[in-house]
């Protein structure tokens, strides 16, 4: 009798494992290796088409640039009107400031991809930064890593979207080939990914979630997720991301097709990797922290004050002119204006333009240096 019970239990256990296995994604994706395609001889029409493919695919642009409000909905906006408005915005101090025309727009688009925080459209900055820091990842660095040809292609696509003649250079034979991700199902299968780090890198998870120091906040931080969810919950959130939405985040932001693109074993490896993440990102190496400024002018340069204030001839007018400020304000008033900029707003200027976290960013010695420096500035 005991023997029959053991056999019965074993059969039930086996059936349970089989049932769980069938809960995992069973669709095997097209796993052919991306084909490297030479861009030599590509004409501008081809560049525009390539740019659209990258914008909607490898560049992951539509994860945020959609109707969900995380970034401007580029594909639905009137870009012919929007680009000139961006260049004329008094907050914009980038490479194309004060310029107009298609070439200026090319420079603006490239800058926005390589230095997304150079100008943040009002209302689309990281929370708590007063639109001074962009949540967008730098696209020519990990995890997206677009090449110069790919960025030029995206630029051509956006210029064409605005009804402009693209001004980007066409690629040459020396340029790095681009990947054709539209595989036709032929070729050898791509290698099975066997580590969580490789899967994170392949699928660009760090572009939306804070992972590996990315600081991204489009999706919730995955550090400590093993204490907030069980393994089944983590798997469900990957293959059915709209089943449960984390507080403070939106539905329909995370792609819903990872159940088809991930192999079953890769899904389990990824889930185990996420479950093992520590509660917080590893501490940064203090040796890389920017050293303290030792003069008032160094503080000005370190915190970019001349980018918004007319200071020693910079001509900026986002904030009030600082030359001669020591004749209009006391040292205590200047200090308050730096650490609590919305306490008193100068005539003709707006609240919430100056970052309100300089008290956290500046060392006390730096704050004293900049106050003394500003107190002694001549008209």
Protein backbone atom coordinates (compact mmCIF):
# COMPACT_ATOMS: atom_id res chain seq x y z
CA UNK A 1 0.00 0.00 0.00
CA UNK A 2 2.83 2.39 0.87
CA UNK A 3 4.48 1.62 -2.45
CA UNK A 4 1.30 2.57 -4.33
CA UNK A 5 1.05 5.83 -2.38
CA UNK A 6 4.65 6.72 -3.31
CA UNK A 7 3.95 5.93 -6.96
CA UNK A 8 0.75 8.01 -6.87
CA UNK A 9 2.52 10.96 -5.24
CA UNK A 10 5.34 10.79 -7.82
CA UNK A 11 2.84 10.80 -10.69
CA UNK A 12 0.99 13.79 -9.22
CA UNK A 13 4.29 15.65 -8.71
CA UNK A 14 5.31 14.95 -12.31
CA UNK A 15 1.93 16.18 -13.58
CA UNK A 16 2.36 19.32 -11.47
CA UNK A 17 5.75 20.06 -13.06
CA UNK A 18 4.29 19.46 -16.51
CA UNK A 19 1.44 21.86 -15.78
CA UNK A 20 3.85 24.55 -14.60
CA UNK A 21 5.97 24.07 -17.70
CA UNK A 22 2.92 24.68 -19.86
CA UNK A 23 2.29 27.96 -18.05
CA UNK A 24 5.59 29.28 -19.44
CA UNK A 25 5.71 30.92 -22.87
CA UNK A 26 5.69 28.21 -25.50
CA UNK A 27 6.15 30.41 -28.57
CA UNK A 28 9.66 30.07 -29.96
CA UNK A 29 10.67 33.42 -31.50
CA UNK A 30 12.62 34.06 -34.63
CA UNK A 31 16.08 33.57 -33.17
CA UNK A 32 18.15 34.14 -36.26
CA UNK A 33 21.28 36.21 -35.76
CA UNK A 34 20.85 39.89 -36.74
CA UNK A 35 22.47 40.41 -40.13
CA UNK A 36 25.02 43.18 -40.52
CA UNK A 37 24.10 45.30 -43.50
CA UNK A 38 26.50 47.66 -45.23
CA UNK A 39 25.09 51.18 -45.52
CA UNK A 40 27.43 52.13 -48.36
CA UNK A 41 25.43 53.63 -51.21
CA UNK A 42 22.33 54.20 -49.05
CA UNK A 43 20.37 57.19 -50.39
CA UNK A 44 18.43 59.67 -48.25
CA UNK A 45 15.13 57.88 -48.77
CA UNK A 46 16.78 54.75 -47.41
CA UNK A 47 18.20 56.71 -44.46
CA UNK A 48 14.72 57.97 -43.58
CA UNK A 49 13.29 54.44 -43.73
CA UNK A 50 16.19 53.12 -41.64
CA UNK A 51 15.62 55.89 -39.11
CA UNK A 52 11.95 55.00 -38.73
CA UNK A 53 12.87 51.35 -38.17
CA UNK A 54 15.42 52.29 -35.49
CA UNK A 55 13.07 54.81 -33.86
CA UNK A 56 10.35 52.17 -33.47
CA UNK A 57 12.72 49.28 -32.78
CA UNK A 58 16.30 49.24 -31.53
CA UNK A 59 16.18 52.84 -30.31
CA UNK A 60 13.21 52.01 -28.03
CA UNK A 61 11.97 55.60 -28.59
CA UNK A 62 8.29 54.68 -28.64
CA UNK A 63 8.51 53.24 -25.11
CA UNK A 64 8.32 56.84 -23.87
CA UNK A 65 7.47 59.00 -26.88
CA UNK A 66 3.83 57.94 -27.03
CA UNK A 67 0.51 59.13 -25.72
CA UNK A 68 1.20 58.10 -22.12
CA UNK A 69 2.72 61.45 -21.12
CA UNK A 70 6.22 60.28 -20.19
CA UNK A 71 7.77 62.16 -23.11
CA UNK A 72 6.43 64.28 -25.98
CA UNK A 73 4.43 62.18 -28.45
CA UNK A 74 6.74 62.89 -31.37
CA UNK A 75 4.89 60.86 -33.97
CA UNK A 76 1.60 62.67 -33.29
CA UNK A 77 2.92 66.22 -32.80
CA UNK A 78 3.22 68.92 -35.44
CA UNK A 79 7.01 68.72 -35.61
CA UNK A 80 7.18 71.45 -38.28
CA UNK A 81 5.98 73.89 -35.62
CA UNK A 82 7.52 72.18 -32.59
CA UNK A 83 11.20 72.21 -33.64
CA UNK A 84 11.36 76.02 -34.14
CA UNK A 85 9.58 76.47 -30.79
CA UNK A 86 12.23 74.34 -29.09
CA UNK A 87 15.09 76.36 -30.60
CA UNK A 88 13.42 79.62 -29.58
CA UNK A 89 12.69 78.50 -26.01
CA UNK A 90 14.62 80.87 -23.67
CA UNK A 91 15.58 77.88 -21.51
CA UNK A 92 17.41 76.23 -24.41
CA UNK A 93 21.13 77.06 -24.34
CA UNK A 94 22.43 74.18 -26.46
CA UNK A 95 24.46 74.02 -29.65
CA UNK A 96 21.60 75.25 -31.85
CA UNK A 97 20.48 78.12 -29.61
CA UNK A 98 19.70 81.25 -31.60
CA UNK A 99 19.82 79.39 -34.91
CA UNK A 100 17.12 78.26 -37.31
CA UNK A 101 16.67 76.03 -40.33
CA UNK A 102 17.10 72.33 -41.01
CA UNK A 103 20.80 72.20 -40.04
CA UNK A 104 20.06 73.76 -36.66
CA UNK A 105 17.32 71.18 -36.11
CA UNK A 106 19.76 68.40 -37.04
CA UNK A 107 22.19 69.70 -34.38
CA UNK A 108 19.36 69.92 -31.85
CA UNK A 109 18.17 66.34 -32.47
CA UNK A 110 21.68 64.85 -32.29
CA UNK A 111 22.35 66.79 -29.08
CA UNK A 112 19.07 65.56 -27.58
CA UNK A 113 20.15 61.96 -28.17
CA UNK A 114 23.72 62.33 -26.88
CA UNK A 115 23.04 64.86 -24.09
CA UNK A 116 19.34 64.53 -23.23
CA UNK A 117 19.66 66.77 -20.17
CA UNK A 118 21.07 69.66 -22.22
CA UNK A 119 17.46 70.77 -22.64
CA UNK A 120 14.42 69.19 -21.02
CA UNK A 121 10.99 70.08 -22.38
CA UNK A 122 8.90 71.62 -19.60
CA UNK A 123 6.97 68.98 -17.69
CA UNK A 124 9.04 66.02 -18.87
CA UNK A 125 12.03 66.07 -16.50
CA UNK A 126 12.85 63.64 -13.73
CA UNK A 127 10.75 64.16 -10.65
CA UNK A 128 12.25 66.72 -8.29
CA UNK A 129 14.70 68.21 -10.81
CA UNK A 130 12.59 71.14 -12.02
CA UNK A 131 13.02 69.91 -15.60
CA UNK A 132 16.81 70.17 -15.42
CA UNK A 133 17.45 66.43 -15.74
CA UNK A 134 15.99 64.17 -18.40
CA UNK A 135 14.86 60.58 -17.72
CA UNK A 136 15.92 59.65 -21.27
CA UNK A 137 19.00 57.40 -21.55
CA UNK A 138 22.01 58.52 -23.61
CA UNK A 139 21.38 56.65 -26.83
CA UNK A 140 24.99 56.12 -27.94
CA UNK A 141 25.84 54.41 -24.65
CA UNK A 142 24.60 51.19 -23.05
CA UNK A 143 22.00 49.80 -23.09
CA UNK A 144 20.83 51.28 -26.43
CA UNK A 145 24.21 52.02 -28.08
CA UNK A 146 23.20 53.56 -31.38
CA UNK A 147 26.04 54.23 -33.82
CA UNK A 148 26.58 57.62 -35.46
CA UNK A 149 24.99 56.28 -38.67
CA UNK A 150 21.93 55.10 -36.73
CA UNK A 151 21.59 58.45 -34.93
CA UNK A 152 21.87 60.23 -38.27
CA UNK A 153 19.17 57.96 -39.68
CA UNK A 154 16.82 58.77 -36.78
CA UNK A 155 17.58 62.46 -37.33
CA UNK A 156 16.73 62.16 -41.04
CA UNK A 157 13.45 60.45 -40.13
CA UNK A 158 12.50 63.22 -37.68
CA UNK A 159 13.51 65.97 -40.11
CA UNK A 160 11.37 64.33 -42.78
CA UNK A 161 8.54 64.08 -40.26
CA UNK A 162 8.76 67.86 -39.89
CA UNK A 163 8.58 68.34 -43.66
CA UNK A 164 12.26 69.28 -43.93
CA UNK A 165 14.93 68.15 -46.35
CA UNK A 166 17.26 65.99 -44.20
CA UNK A 167 20.72 67.50 -43.75
CA UNK A 168 22.57 64.52 -42.24
CA UNK A 169 25.52 63.04 -44.15
CA UNK A 170 24.98 59.80 -46.00
CA UNK A 171 27.06 56.86 -44.74
CA UNK A 172 30.26 55.81 -46.44
CA UNK A 173 32.04 52.48 -46.84
CA UNK A 174 34.11 53.22 -43.71
CA UNK A 175 31.06 53.51 -41.49
CA UNK A 176 30.15 50.60 -39.23
CA UNK A 177 27.43 48.40 -40.75
CA UNK A 178 24.05 48.46 -39.03
CA UNK A 179 22.10 45.44 -37.86
CA UNK A 180 19.10 44.29 -39.83
CA UNK A 181 16.73 43.17 -37.08
CA UNK A 182 13.99 42.18 -39.51
CA UNK A 183 15.28 38.62 -39.87
CA UNK A 184 13.51 36.28 -42.28
CA UNK A 185 13.77 33.24 -40.07
CA UNK A 186 16.82 31.78 -41.79
CA UNK A 187 20.30 31.33 -40.43
CA UNK A 188 21.54 29.66 -37.28
CA UNK A 189 19.62 30.20 -34.02
CA UNK A 190 21.00 32.90 -31.73
CA UNK A 191 22.87 31.52 -28.74
CA UNK A 192 20.81 30.76 -25.65
CA UNK A 193 21.34 33.45 -23.00
CA UNK A 194 22.36 31.83 -19.75
CA UNK A 195 22.98 34.75 -17.37
CA UNK A 196 20.71 37.44 -16.02
CA UNK A 197 23.22 40.15 -16.96
CA UNK A 198 23.24 39.02 -20.60
CA UNK A 199 19.44 38.97 -20.75
CA UNK A 200 19.23 42.44 -19.16
CA UNK A 201 21.67 43.74 -21.76
CA UNK A 202 20.01 42.02 -24.71
CA UNK A 203 16.52 43.30 -23.94
CA UNK A 204 17.52 46.79 -22.72
CA UNK A 205 15.84 46.49 -19.30
CA UNK A 206 18.15 49.15 -17.82
CA UNK A 207 16.72 51.75 -20.21
CA UNK A 208 13.51 51.82 -18.15
CA UNK A 209 14.45 50.29 -14.79
CA UNK A 210 17.22 51.36 -12.42
CA UNK A 211 19.74 48.59 -13.07
CA UNK A 212 23.52 48.57 -13.27
CA UNK A 213 23.65 52.23 -12.30
CA UNK A 214 21.39 53.42 -15.12
CA UNK A 215 19.21 55.45 -12.74
CA UNK A 216 16.24 55.00 -15.11
CA UNK A 217 12.83 55.57 -13.55
CA UNK A 218 10.36 54.91 -16.36
CA UNK A 219 9.58 51.62 -14.62
CA UNK A 220 10.01 50.74 -10.93
CA UNK A 221 13.43 49.98 -9.51
CA UNK A 222 14.11 46.25 -9.55
CA UNK A 223 16.48 46.31 -6.59
CA UNK A 224 14.98 44.41 -3.68
CA UNK A 225 12.17 43.02 -5.83
CA UNK A 226 12.73 39.59 -4.30
CA UNK A 227 11.44 40.96 -0.99
CA UNK A 228 8.37 42.54 -2.59
CA UNK A 229 7.28 39.74 -4.92
CA UNK A 230 7.56 35.98 -5.13
CA UNK A 231 9.09 34.22 -8.13
CA UNK A 232 5.71 33.60 -9.77
CA UNK A 233 4.86 37.30 -9.44
CA UNK A 234 8.14 38.33 -11.08
CA UNK A 235 7.52 35.95 -13.98
CA UNK A 236 3.97 37.26 -14.38
CA UNK A 237 5.18 40.88 -14.41
CA UNK A 238 7.55 40.04 -17.27
CA UNK A 239 5.15 38.15 -19.51
CA UNK A 240 1.96 40.03 -18.53
CA UNK A 241 3.18 43.48 -17.43
CA UNK A 242 -0.31 44.98 -17.26
CA UNK A 243 -1.62 42.35 -14.85
CA UNK A 244 -0.44 44.34 -11.82
CA UNK A 245 0.79 47.94 -12.14
CA UNK A 246 3.23 49.22 -9.51
CA UNK A 247 2.00 52.28 -7.65
CA UNK A 248 3.08 55.52 -9.32
CA UNK A 249 3.58 53.95 -12.76
CA UNK A 250 1.40 53.60 -15.85
CA UNK A 251 0.01 50.65 -17.77
CA UNK A 252 0.99 49.95 -21.39
CA UNK A 253 4.55 51.27 -20.99
CA UNK A 254 6.40 47.95 -20.78
CA UNK A 255 6.28 45.81 -23.96
CA UNK A 256 3.81 42.97 -23.61
CA UNK A 257 5.59 40.53 -25.93
CA UNK A 258 8.46 39.32 -23.74
CA UNK A 259 6.54 36.06 -23.33
CA UNK A 260 7.13 35.48 -27.03
CA UNK A 261 10.66 36.84 -27.36
CA UNK A 262 12.15 35.15 -24.27
CA UNK A 263 12.78 31.43 -24.27
CA UNK A 264 11.38 29.55 -21.31
CA UNK A 265 14.80 28.88 -19.75
CA UNK A 266 15.82 32.52 -20.27
CA UNK A 267 12.68 33.66 -18.48
CA UNK A 268 13.53 31.49 -15.46
CA UNK A 269 17.15 32.68 -15.44
CA UNK A 270 15.99 36.31 -15.57
CA UNK A 271 13.48 35.79 -12.77
CA UNK A 272 16.12 34.16 -10.55
CA UNK A 273 18.56 36.98 -11.29
CA UNK A 274 16.01 39.64 -10.36
CA UNK A 275 15.04 37.75 -7.20
CA UNK A 276 18.70 37.82 -6.13
CA UNK A 277 19.22 41.57 -6.57
CA UNK A 278 20.19 43.47 -3.39
CA UNK A 279 17.87 46.01 -1.79
CA UNK A 280 19.77 48.96 -3.26
CA UNK A 281 22.31 49.64 -6.03
CA UNK A 282 25.94 49.00 -5.10
CA UNK A 283 27.64 52.00 -3.51
CA UNK A 284 29.43 54.22 -5.97
CA UNK A 285 33.19 54.52 -5.95
CA UNK A 286 33.95 57.69 -4.00
CA UNK A 287 37.15 58.09 -6.00
CA UNK A 288 34.97 59.15 -8.94
CA UNK A 289 33.15 61.89 -7.02
CA UNK A 290 33.92 65.34 -8.39
CA UNK A 291 36.34 67.14 -6.05
CA UNK A 292 35.22 70.16 -4.07
CA UNK A 293 35.60 73.52 -5.74
CA UNK A 294 38.14 75.75 -4.02
CA UNK A 295 37.28 79.17 -5.48
CA UNK A 296 34.05 80.98 -6.20
CA UNK A 297 34.70 80.84 -9.94
CA UNK A 298 35.18 77.06 -9.74
CA UNK A 299 31.81 76.76 -7.99
CA UNK A 300 30.21 78.83 -10.77
CA UNK A 301 31.70 76.50 -13.40
CA UNK A 302 30.90 73.31 -11.47
CA UNK A 303 27.20 74.12 -11.09
CA UNK A 304 26.74 75.85 -14.46
CA UNK A 305 25.37 79.13 -13.05
CA UNK A 306 26.33 81.11 -16.17
CA UNK A 307 24.05 78.88 -18.24
CA UNK A 308 20.97 80.62 -16.78
CA UNK A 309 22.30 83.91 -15.36
CA UNK A 310 24.10 86.72 -17.17
CA UNK A 311 27.40 86.31 -15.39
CA UNK A 312 30.67 87.84 -16.58
CA UNK A 313 29.24 88.37 -20.04
CA UNK A 314 27.52 84.99 -20.60
CA UNK A 315 24.38 86.80 -21.76
CA UNK A 316 22.01 84.15 -20.32
CA UNK A 317 18.61 85.50 -19.27
CA UNK A 318 16.71 82.52 -17.80
CA UNK A 319 17.46 83.98 -14.35
CA UNK A 320 18.33 87.53 -13.24
CA UNK A 321 21.71 89.11 -13.95
CA UNK A 322 24.22 88.45 -11.17
CA UNK A 323 26.81 91.15 -11.83
CA UNK A 324 26.41 93.77 -9.10
CA UNK A 325 24.10 91.58 -7.03
CA UNK A 326 26.08 92.41 -3.90
CA UNK A 327 24.78 95.98 -4.16
CA UNK A 328 21.16 94.78 -4.29
CA UNK A 329 21.16 91.92 -1.77
CA UNK A 330 22.90 90.95 1.46
CA UNK A 331 25.05 87.83 1.80
CA UNK A 332 22.24 86.07 3.73
CA UNK A 333 19.73 86.96 1.02
CA UNK A 334 22.03 85.59 -1.70
CA UNK A 335 22.52 82.36 0.28
CA UNK A 336 18.74 81.99 0.68
CA UNK A 337 18.23 82.64 -3.04
CA UNK A 338 20.59 79.74 -3.81
CA UNK A 339 19.24 77.13 -1.42
CA UNK A 340 15.56 78.23 -1.45
CA UNK A 341 15.17 79.87 -4.86
CA UNK A 342 11.36 80.05 -4.73
CA UNK A 343 11.22 82.06 -1.48
CA UNK A 344 11.56 85.32 -3.40
CA UNK A 345 11.16 85.60 -7.18
CA UNK A 346 12.85 88.53 -8.94
CA UNK A 347 10.57 90.78 -10.97
CA UNK A 348 10.12 89.53 -14.53
CA UNK A 349 11.15 85.95 -13.77
CA UNK A 350 9.22 82.77 -12.97
CA UNK A 351 9.18 80.35 -10.05
CA UNK A 352 10.43 76.76 -10.33
CA UNK A 353 13.06 77.62 -12.96
CA UNK A 354 16.10 77.27 -10.70
CA UNK A 355 16.88 73.84 -9.18
CA UNK A 356 15.92 73.73 -5.50
CA UNK A 357 18.45 71.11 -4.44
CA UNK A 358 21.69 73.11 -4.38
CA UNK A 359 21.69 72.78 -0.58
CA UNK A 360 22.12 69.03 -1.13
CA UNK A 361 24.55 69.32 -4.05
CA UNK A 362 26.91 71.94 -2.61
CA UNK A 363 29.30 71.47 0.25
CA UNK A 364 29.03 74.20 2.91
CA UNK A 365 32.47 75.46 1.88
CA UNK A 366 31.33 75.77 -1.76
CA UNK A 367 28.20 77.65 -0.71
CA UNK A 368 30.33 80.12 1.25
CA UNK A 369 32.71 80.55 -1.67
CA UNK A 370 29.97 81.33 -4.18
CA UNK A 371 28.23 83.78 -1.84
CA UNK A 372 31.50 85.65 -1.27
CA UNK A 373 32.22 85.61 -5.02
CA UNK A 374 28.79 87.00 -5.92
CA UNK A 375 28.93 89.67 -3.20
CA UNK A 376 32.06 91.07 -4.81
CA UNK A 377 30.99 90.97 -8.45
CA UNK A 378 31.07 94.43 -10.07
CA UNK A 379 28.21 95.76 -12.17
